[in-house]
């Protein structure tokens, strides 16, 4: 009897340039890339849900997790170290206050990390924005606007990164942008 050869799923390296940093993203051939949408606490969900709604519209697969840099450091470490093996292509991390989650994840993973500053009661999210955007050289975090707009843009940015290698997502992104463009009136009345 002849032995059947098992076909191994080949891993492909995809090079992505984000904020002047080159990322090598490994994905299994014929597998759909996905986005990890993580946040420091349940209270971040009212903002981060806009990110997931955007990903749904663009038909990008995603998972949602609560991972606190301060209260669940072991969970954060395990996630960051296994994210690539779990076939994530991009990580979107929402954080408020001291907002260490995006930077800590970026320090432990070579995947692109997009930070979403969550609006806080005390400083209206400025503290979160500055914590995320002021990363030391060598550990970049792509940072978007504070709050809802930032969450939506994070979803679009993640889709744009995935669209570099995924024709379906590229098509959805182009259609979404065309719809957005066509919704702008030519005259005010």
C-alpha atoms as a PDB file:
ATOM      1  CA  UNK A   1       0.000   0.000   0.000  1.00  0.00           C
ATOM      2  CA  UNK A   2       1.116   3.450  -0.803  1.00  0.00           C
ATOM      3  CA  UNK A   3       1.246   5.890   2.031  1.00  0.00           C
ATOM      4  CA  UNK A   4      -0.666   9.037   1.495  1.00  0.00           C
ATOM      5  CA  UNK A   5       1.426  12.090   1.828  1.00  0.00           C
ATOM      6  CA  UNK A   6       0.071  14.605   4.202  1.00  0.00           C
ATOM      7  CA  UNK A   7       0.112  18.083   2.895  1.00  0.00           C
ATOM      8  CA  UNK A   8       1.541  20.452   5.418  1.00  0.00           C
ATOM      9  CA  UNK A   9       0.011  23.853   5.554  1.00  0.00           C
ATOM     10  CA  UNK A  10       2.737  26.111   4.326  1.00  0.00           C
ATOM     11  CA  UNK A  11       3.394  29.217   6.288  1.00  0.00           C
ATOM     12  CA  UNK A  12       3.788  32.389   4.315  1.00  0.00           C
ATOM     13  CA  UNK A  13       5.701  35.414   5.452  1.00  0.00           C
ATOM     14  CA  UNK A  14       4.009  38.679   4.661  1.00  0.00           C
ATOM     15  CA  UNK A  15       5.933  41.880   5.057  1.00  0.00           C
ATOM     16  CA  UNK A  16       3.950  44.857   6.263  1.00  0.00           C
ATOM     17  CA  UNK A  17       5.237  48.397   6.784  1.00  0.00           C
ATOM     18  CA  UNK A  18       3.513  50.313   9.579  1.00  0.00           C
ATOM     19  CA  UNK A  19       4.815  53.520  11.130  1.00  0.00           C
ATOM     20  CA  UNK A  20       8.222  53.006   9.503  1.00  0.00           C
ATOM     21  CA  UNK A  21       8.546  49.546  11.082  1.00  0.00           C
ATOM     22  CA  UNK A  22       8.647  46.421   8.934  1.00  0.00           C
ATOM     23  CA  UNK A  23       6.627  43.497  10.283  1.00  0.00           C
ATOM     24  CA  UNK A  24       6.888  39.913   9.096  1.00  0.00           C
ATOM     25  CA  UNK A  25       3.476  38.348   9.558  1.00  0.00           C
ATOM     26  CA  UNK A  26       3.304  34.570   9.343  1.00  0.00           C
ATOM     27  CA  UNK A  27      -0.006  33.065   8.375  1.00  0.00           C
ATOM     28  CA  UNK A  28      -0.955  29.565   7.374  1.00  0.00           C
ATOM     29  CA  UNK A  29      -1.660  29.216   3.669  1.00  0.00           C
ATOM     30  CA  UNK A  30      -5.372  29.167   2.882  1.00  0.00           C
ATOM     31  CA  UNK A  31      -6.279  30.400   6.354  1.00  0.00           C
ATOM     32  CA  UNK A  32      -8.102  33.650   6.934  1.00  0.00           C
ATOM     33  CA  UNK A  33      -6.197  36.275   8.866  1.00  0.00           C
ATOM     34  CA  UNK A  34      -7.938  37.680  11.881  1.00  0.00           C
ATOM     35  CA  UNK A  35      -7.697  40.625  14.219  1.00  0.00           C
ATOM     36  CA  UNK A  36      -7.466  40.494  17.995  1.00  0.00           C
ATOM     37  CA  UNK A  37      -9.492  43.266  19.601  1.00  0.00           C
ATOM     38  CA  UNK A  38      -8.360  43.527  23.199  1.00  0.00           C
ATOM     39  CA  UNK A  39      -9.142  45.969  25.975  1.00  0.00           C
ATOM     40  CA  UNK A  40      -8.101  46.551  29.551  1.00  0.00           C
ATOM     41  CA  UNK A  41     -11.555  46.198  31.102  1.00  0.00           C
ATOM     42  CA  UNK A  42     -15.247  45.748  30.406  1.00  0.00           C
ATOM     43  CA  UNK A  43     -15.705  49.514  30.769  1.00  0.00           C
ATOM     44  CA  UNK A  44     -13.734  49.953  27.516  1.00  0.00           C
ATOM     45  CA  UNK A  45     -16.342  47.970  25.530  1.00  0.00           C
ATOM     46  CA  UNK A  46     -18.705  50.917  24.784  1.00  0.00           C
ATOM     47  CA  UNK A  47     -15.825  52.417  22.765  1.00  0.00           C
ATOM     48  CA  UNK A  48     -14.286  49.237  21.370  1.00  0.00           C
ATOM     49  CA  UNK A  49     -17.618  47.920  20.056  1.00  0.00           C
ATOM     50  CA  UNK A  50     -17.313  50.523  17.273  1.00  0.00           C
ATOM     51  CA  UNK A  51     -14.112  48.810  16.204  1.00  0.00           C
ATOM     52  CA  UNK A  52     -15.795  45.408  15.986  1.00  0.00           C
ATOM     53  CA  UNK A  53     -18.781  46.865  14.124  1.00  0.00           C
ATOM     54  CA  UNK A  54     -16.361  48.278  11.540  1.00  0.00           C
ATOM     55  CA  UNK A  55     -14.555  44.946  11.199  1.00  0.00           C
ATOM     56  CA  UNK A  56     -17.925  43.204  10.728  1.00  0.00           C
ATOM     57  CA  UNK A  57     -18.888  45.642   7.943  1.00  0.00           C
ATOM     58  CA  UNK A  58     -15.574  44.942   6.194  1.00  0.00           C
ATOM     59  CA  UNK A  59     -15.985  41.175   6.791  1.00  0.00           C
ATOM     60  CA  UNK A  60     -12.740  40.830   8.728  1.00  0.00           C
ATOM     61  CA  UNK A  61     -12.594  37.995  11.247  1.00  0.00           C
ATOM     62  CA  UNK A  62     -11.833  39.007  14.822  1.00  0.00           C
ATOM     63  CA  UNK A  63     -11.831  37.865  18.432  1.00  0.00           C
ATOM     64  CA  UNK A  64     -12.564  40.070  21.441  1.00  0.00           C
ATOM     65  CA  UNK A  65     -10.784  39.666  24.780  1.00  0.00           C
ATOM     66  CA  UNK A  66     -10.350  41.527  28.050  1.00  0.00           C
ATOM     67  CA  UNK A  67      -6.676  41.624  28.977  1.00  0.00           C
ATOM     68  CA  UNK A  68      -5.460  44.038  31.623  1.00  0.00           C
ATOM     69  CA  UNK A  69      -1.793  45.015  31.639  1.00  0.00           C
ATOM     70  CA  UNK A  70      -2.021  45.687  35.376  1.00  0.00           C
ATOM     71  CA  UNK A  71      -4.606  43.241  36.747  1.00  0.00           C
ATOM     72  CA  UNK A  72      -3.984  40.216  34.483  1.00  0.00           C
ATOM     73  CA  UNK A  73      -0.285  40.397  33.533  1.00  0.00           C
ATOM     74  CA  UNK A  74       0.039  36.620  33.094  1.00  0.00           C
ATOM     75  CA  UNK A  75      -2.926  36.596  30.689  1.00  0.00           C
ATOM     76  CA  UNK A  76      -1.387  39.524  28.811  1.00  0.00           C
ATOM     77  CA  UNK A  77       1.979  37.778  28.537  1.00  0.00           C
ATOM     78  CA  UNK A  78       0.440  34.491  27.361  1.00  0.00           C
ATOM     79  CA  UNK A  79      -1.693  36.291  24.769  1.00  0.00           C
ATOM     80  CA  UNK A  80       1.184  38.360  23.371  1.00  0.00           C
ATOM     81  CA  UNK A  81       3.481  35.357  23.093  1.00  0.00           C
ATOM     82  CA  UNK A  82       0.869  33.168  21.371  1.00  0.00           C
ATOM     83  CA  UNK A  83      -0.876  35.761  19.153  1.00  0.00           C
ATOM     84  CA  UNK A  84       1.096  34.908  16.014  1.00  0.00           C
ATOM     85  CA  UNK A  85       0.529  31.168  16.479  1.00  0.00           C
ATOM     86  CA  UNK A  86      -3.193  31.882  16.874  1.00  0.00           C
ATOM     87  CA  UNK A  87      -3.117  33.362  13.350  1.00  0.00           C
ATOM     88  CA  UNK A  88      -3.726  36.966  14.337  1.00  0.00           C
ATOM     89  CA  UNK A  89      -2.415  39.425  11.776  1.00  0.00           C
ATOM     90  CA  UNK A  90      -3.115  42.639  13.685  1.00  0.00           C
ATOM     91  CA  UNK A  91      -3.796  43.462  17.333  1.00  0.00           C
ATOM     92  CA  UNK A  92      -6.047  46.382  18.258  1.00  0.00           C
ATOM     93  CA  UNK A  93      -5.650  47.319  21.919  1.00  0.00           C
ATOM     94  CA  UNK A  94      -7.959  49.771  23.642  1.00  0.00           C
ATOM     95  CA  UNK A  95      -6.815  51.238  26.929  1.00  0.00           C
ATOM     96  CA  UNK A  96      -7.677  54.111  29.219  1.00  0.00           C
ATOM     97  CA  UNK A  97      -5.883  56.025  31.940  1.00  0.00           C
ATOM     98  CA  UNK A  98      -2.253  54.958  32.113  1.00  0.00           C
ATOM     99  CA  UNK A  99      -2.988  52.896  28.959  1.00  0.00           C
ATOM    100  CA  UNK A 100      -0.062  50.480  29.117  1.00  0.00           C
ATOM    101  CA  UNK A 101      -1.757  47.586  27.295  1.00  0.00           C
ATOM    102  CA  UNK A 102      -0.898  48.503  23.660  1.00  0.00           C
ATOM    103  CA  UNK A 103       2.749  49.198  24.452  1.00  0.00           C
ATOM    104  CA  UNK A 104       3.209  46.089  26.559  1.00  0.00           C
ATOM    105  CA  UNK A 105       1.701  43.906  23.829  1.00  0.00           C
ATOM    106  CA  UNK A 106       3.910  45.594  21.200  1.00  0.00           C
ATOM    107  CA  UNK A 107       6.977  44.941  23.342  1.00  0.00           C
ATOM    108  CA  UNK A 108       6.287  41.190  23.304  1.00  0.00           C
ATOM    109  CA  UNK A 109       5.005  40.646  19.754  1.00  0.00           C
ATOM    110  CA  UNK A 110       6.213  41.436  16.260  1.00  0.00           C
ATOM    111  CA  UNK A 111       2.631  41.819  15.025  1.00  0.00           C
ATOM    112  CA  UNK A 112       1.348  45.317  14.222  1.00  0.00           C
ATOM    113  CA  UNK A 113      -0.376  46.839  17.250  1.00  0.00           C
ATOM    114  CA  UNK A 114      -2.902  49.654  16.934  1.00  0.00           C
ATOM    115  CA  UNK A 115      -3.650  51.531  20.152  1.00  0.00           C
ATOM    116  CA  UNK A 116      -7.061  53.071  20.812  1.00  0.00           C
ATOM    117  CA  UNK A 117      -7.057  55.672  23.603  1.00  0.00           C
ATOM    118  CA  UNK A 118     -10.222  55.331  25.668  1.00  0.00           C
ATOM    119  CA  UNK A 119     -11.806  58.574  26.852  1.00  0.00           C
ATOM    120  CA  UNK A 120     -11.431  58.927  30.610  1.00  0.00           C
ATOM    121  CA  UNK A 121     -13.495  60.961  33.065  1.00  0.00           C
ATOM    122  CA  UNK A 122     -10.593  62.886  34.523  1.00  0.00           C
ATOM    123  CA  UNK A 123      -8.602  63.999  31.481  1.00  0.00           C
ATOM    124  CA  UNK A 124     -11.018  63.179  28.639  1.00  0.00           C
ATOM    125  CA  UNK A 125      -8.610  60.592  27.193  1.00  0.00           C
ATOM    126  CA  UNK A 126      -5.620  62.869  26.797  1.00  0.00           C
ATOM    127  CA  UNK A 127      -3.762  60.779  29.390  1.00  0.00           C
ATOM    128  CA  UNK A 128      -4.521  57.618  27.395  1.00  0.00           C
ATOM    129  CA  UNK A 129      -3.476  59.216  24.103  1.00  0.00           C
ATOM    130  CA  UNK A 130      -0.139  60.403  25.456  1.00  0.00           C
ATOM    131  CA  UNK A 131       0.595  57.048  27.112  1.00  0.00           C
ATOM    132  CA  UNK A 132      -0.008  55.167  23.868  1.00  0.00           C
ATOM    133  CA  UNK A 133       1.569  57.556  21.374  1.00  0.00           C
ATOM    134  CA  UNK A 134       4.763  58.269  23.350  1.00  0.00           C
ATOM    135  CA  UNK A 135       6.410  54.863  22.909  1.00  0.00           C
ATOM    136  CA  UNK A 136      10.189  54.609  23.033  1.00  0.00           C
ATOM    137  CA  UNK A 137      11.974  54.051  19.728  1.00  0.00           C
ATOM    138  CA  UNK A 138      11.992  50.439  18.652  1.00  0.00           C
ATOM    139  CA  UNK A 139       8.552  49.575  20.076  1.00  0.00           C
ATOM    140  CA  UNK A 140       6.013  51.444  17.929  1.00  0.00           C
ATOM    141  CA  UNK A 141       2.280  51.412  18.433  1.00  0.00           C
ATOM    142  CA  UNK A 142       0.102  52.802  15.640  1.00  0.00           C
ATOM    143  CA  UNK A 143      -2.092  55.244  17.562  1.00  0.00           C
ATOM    144  CA  UNK A 144      -5.492  56.537  16.498  1.00  0.00           C
ATOM    145  CA  UNK A 145      -7.828  59.249  17.834  1.00  0.00           C
ATOM    146  CA  UNK A 146      -9.416  59.168  21.269  1.00  0.00           C
ATOM    147  CA  UNK A 147     -12.727  57.331  21.629  1.00  0.00           C
ATOM    148  CA  UNK A 148     -15.287  56.252  19.047  1.00  0.00           C
ATOM    149  CA  UNK A 149     -13.563  57.814  16.013  1.00  0.00           C
ATOM    150  CA  UNK A 150     -10.314  56.133  16.975  1.00  0.00           C
ATOM    151  CA  UNK A 151     -11.993  52.756  17.426  1.00  0.00           C
ATOM    152  CA  UNK A 152     -13.586  53.003  13.977  1.00  0.00           C
ATOM    153  CA  UNK A 153     -10.285  54.084  12.402  1.00  0.00           C
ATOM    154  CA  UNK A 154      -8.460  51.235  14.150  1.00  0.00           C
ATOM    155  CA  UNK A 155     -10.825  48.769  12.477  1.00  0.00           C
ATOM    156  CA  UNK A 156     -10.258  50.411   9.095  1.00  0.00           C
ATOM    157  CA  UNK A 157      -6.485  50.458   9.597  1.00  0.00           C
ATOM    158  CA  UNK A 158      -6.447  46.771  10.572  1.00  0.00           C
ATOM    159  CA  UNK A 159      -8.517  45.938   7.487  1.00  0.00           C
ATOM    160  CA  UNK A 160      -6.113  47.981   5.344  1.00  0.00           C
ATOM    161  CA  UNK A 161      -3.165  45.980   6.650  1.00  0.00           C
ATOM    162  CA  UNK A 162      -4.924  42.677   5.991  1.00  0.00           C
ATOM    163  CA  UNK A 163      -6.069  43.918   2.560  1.00  0.00           C
ATOM    164  CA  UNK A 164      -2.444  43.998   1.415  1.00  0.00           C
ATOM    165  CA  UNK A 165      -2.639  40.214   1.069  1.00  0.00           C
ATOM    166  CA  UNK A 166      -6.357  39.443   1.138  1.00  0.00           C
ATOM    167  CA  UNK A 167      -8.357  40.264  -1.999  1.00  0.00           C
ATOM    168  CA  UNK A 168     -11.752  39.817  -0.331  1.00  0.00           C
ATOM    169  CA  UNK A 169     -10.962  42.322   2.408  1.00  0.00           C
ATOM    170  CA  UNK A 170      -9.425  44.682  -0.161  1.00  0.00           C
ATOM    171  CA  UNK A 171     -12.625  44.570  -2.214  1.00  0.00           C
ATOM    172  CA  UNK A 172     -14.773  45.211   0.877  1.00  0.00           C
ATOM    173  CA  UNK A 173     -12.547  48.109   1.908  1.00  0.00           C
ATOM    174  CA  UNK A 174     -12.754  49.702  -1.558  1.00  0.00           C
ATOM    175  CA  UNK A 175     -16.560  49.315  -1.603  1.00  0.00           C
ATOM    176  CA  UNK A 176     -16.839  50.806   1.893  1.00  0.00           C
ATOM    177  CA  UNK A 177     -14.681  53.803   0.958  1.00  0.00           C
ATOM    178  CA  UNK A 178     -16.626  54.371  -2.273  1.00  0.00           C
ATOM    179  CA  UNK A 179     -19.894  54.298  -0.319  1.00  0.00           C
ATOM    180  CA  UNK A 180     -18.439  56.817   2.132  1.00  0.00           C
ATOM    181  CA  UNK A 181     -17.322  59.081  -0.735  1.00  0.00           C
ATOM    182  CA  UNK A 182     -20.697  58.860  -2.479  1.00  0.00           C
ATOM    183  CA  UNK A 183     -22.511  59.795   0.739  1.00  0.00           C
ATOM    184  CA  UNK A 184     -20.959  63.282   0.712  1.00  0.00           C
ATOM    185  CA  UNK A 185     -23.339  65.755  -0.863  1.00  0.00           C
ATOM    186  CA  UNK A 186     -22.085  68.191  -3.495  1.00  0.00           C
ATOM    187  CA  UNK A 187     -24.204  71.051  -2.162  1.00  0.00           C
ATOM    188  CA  UNK A 188     -25.464  71.905   1.315  1.00  0.00           C
ATOM    189  CA  UNK A 189     -29.161  71.796   0.320  1.00  0.00           C
END
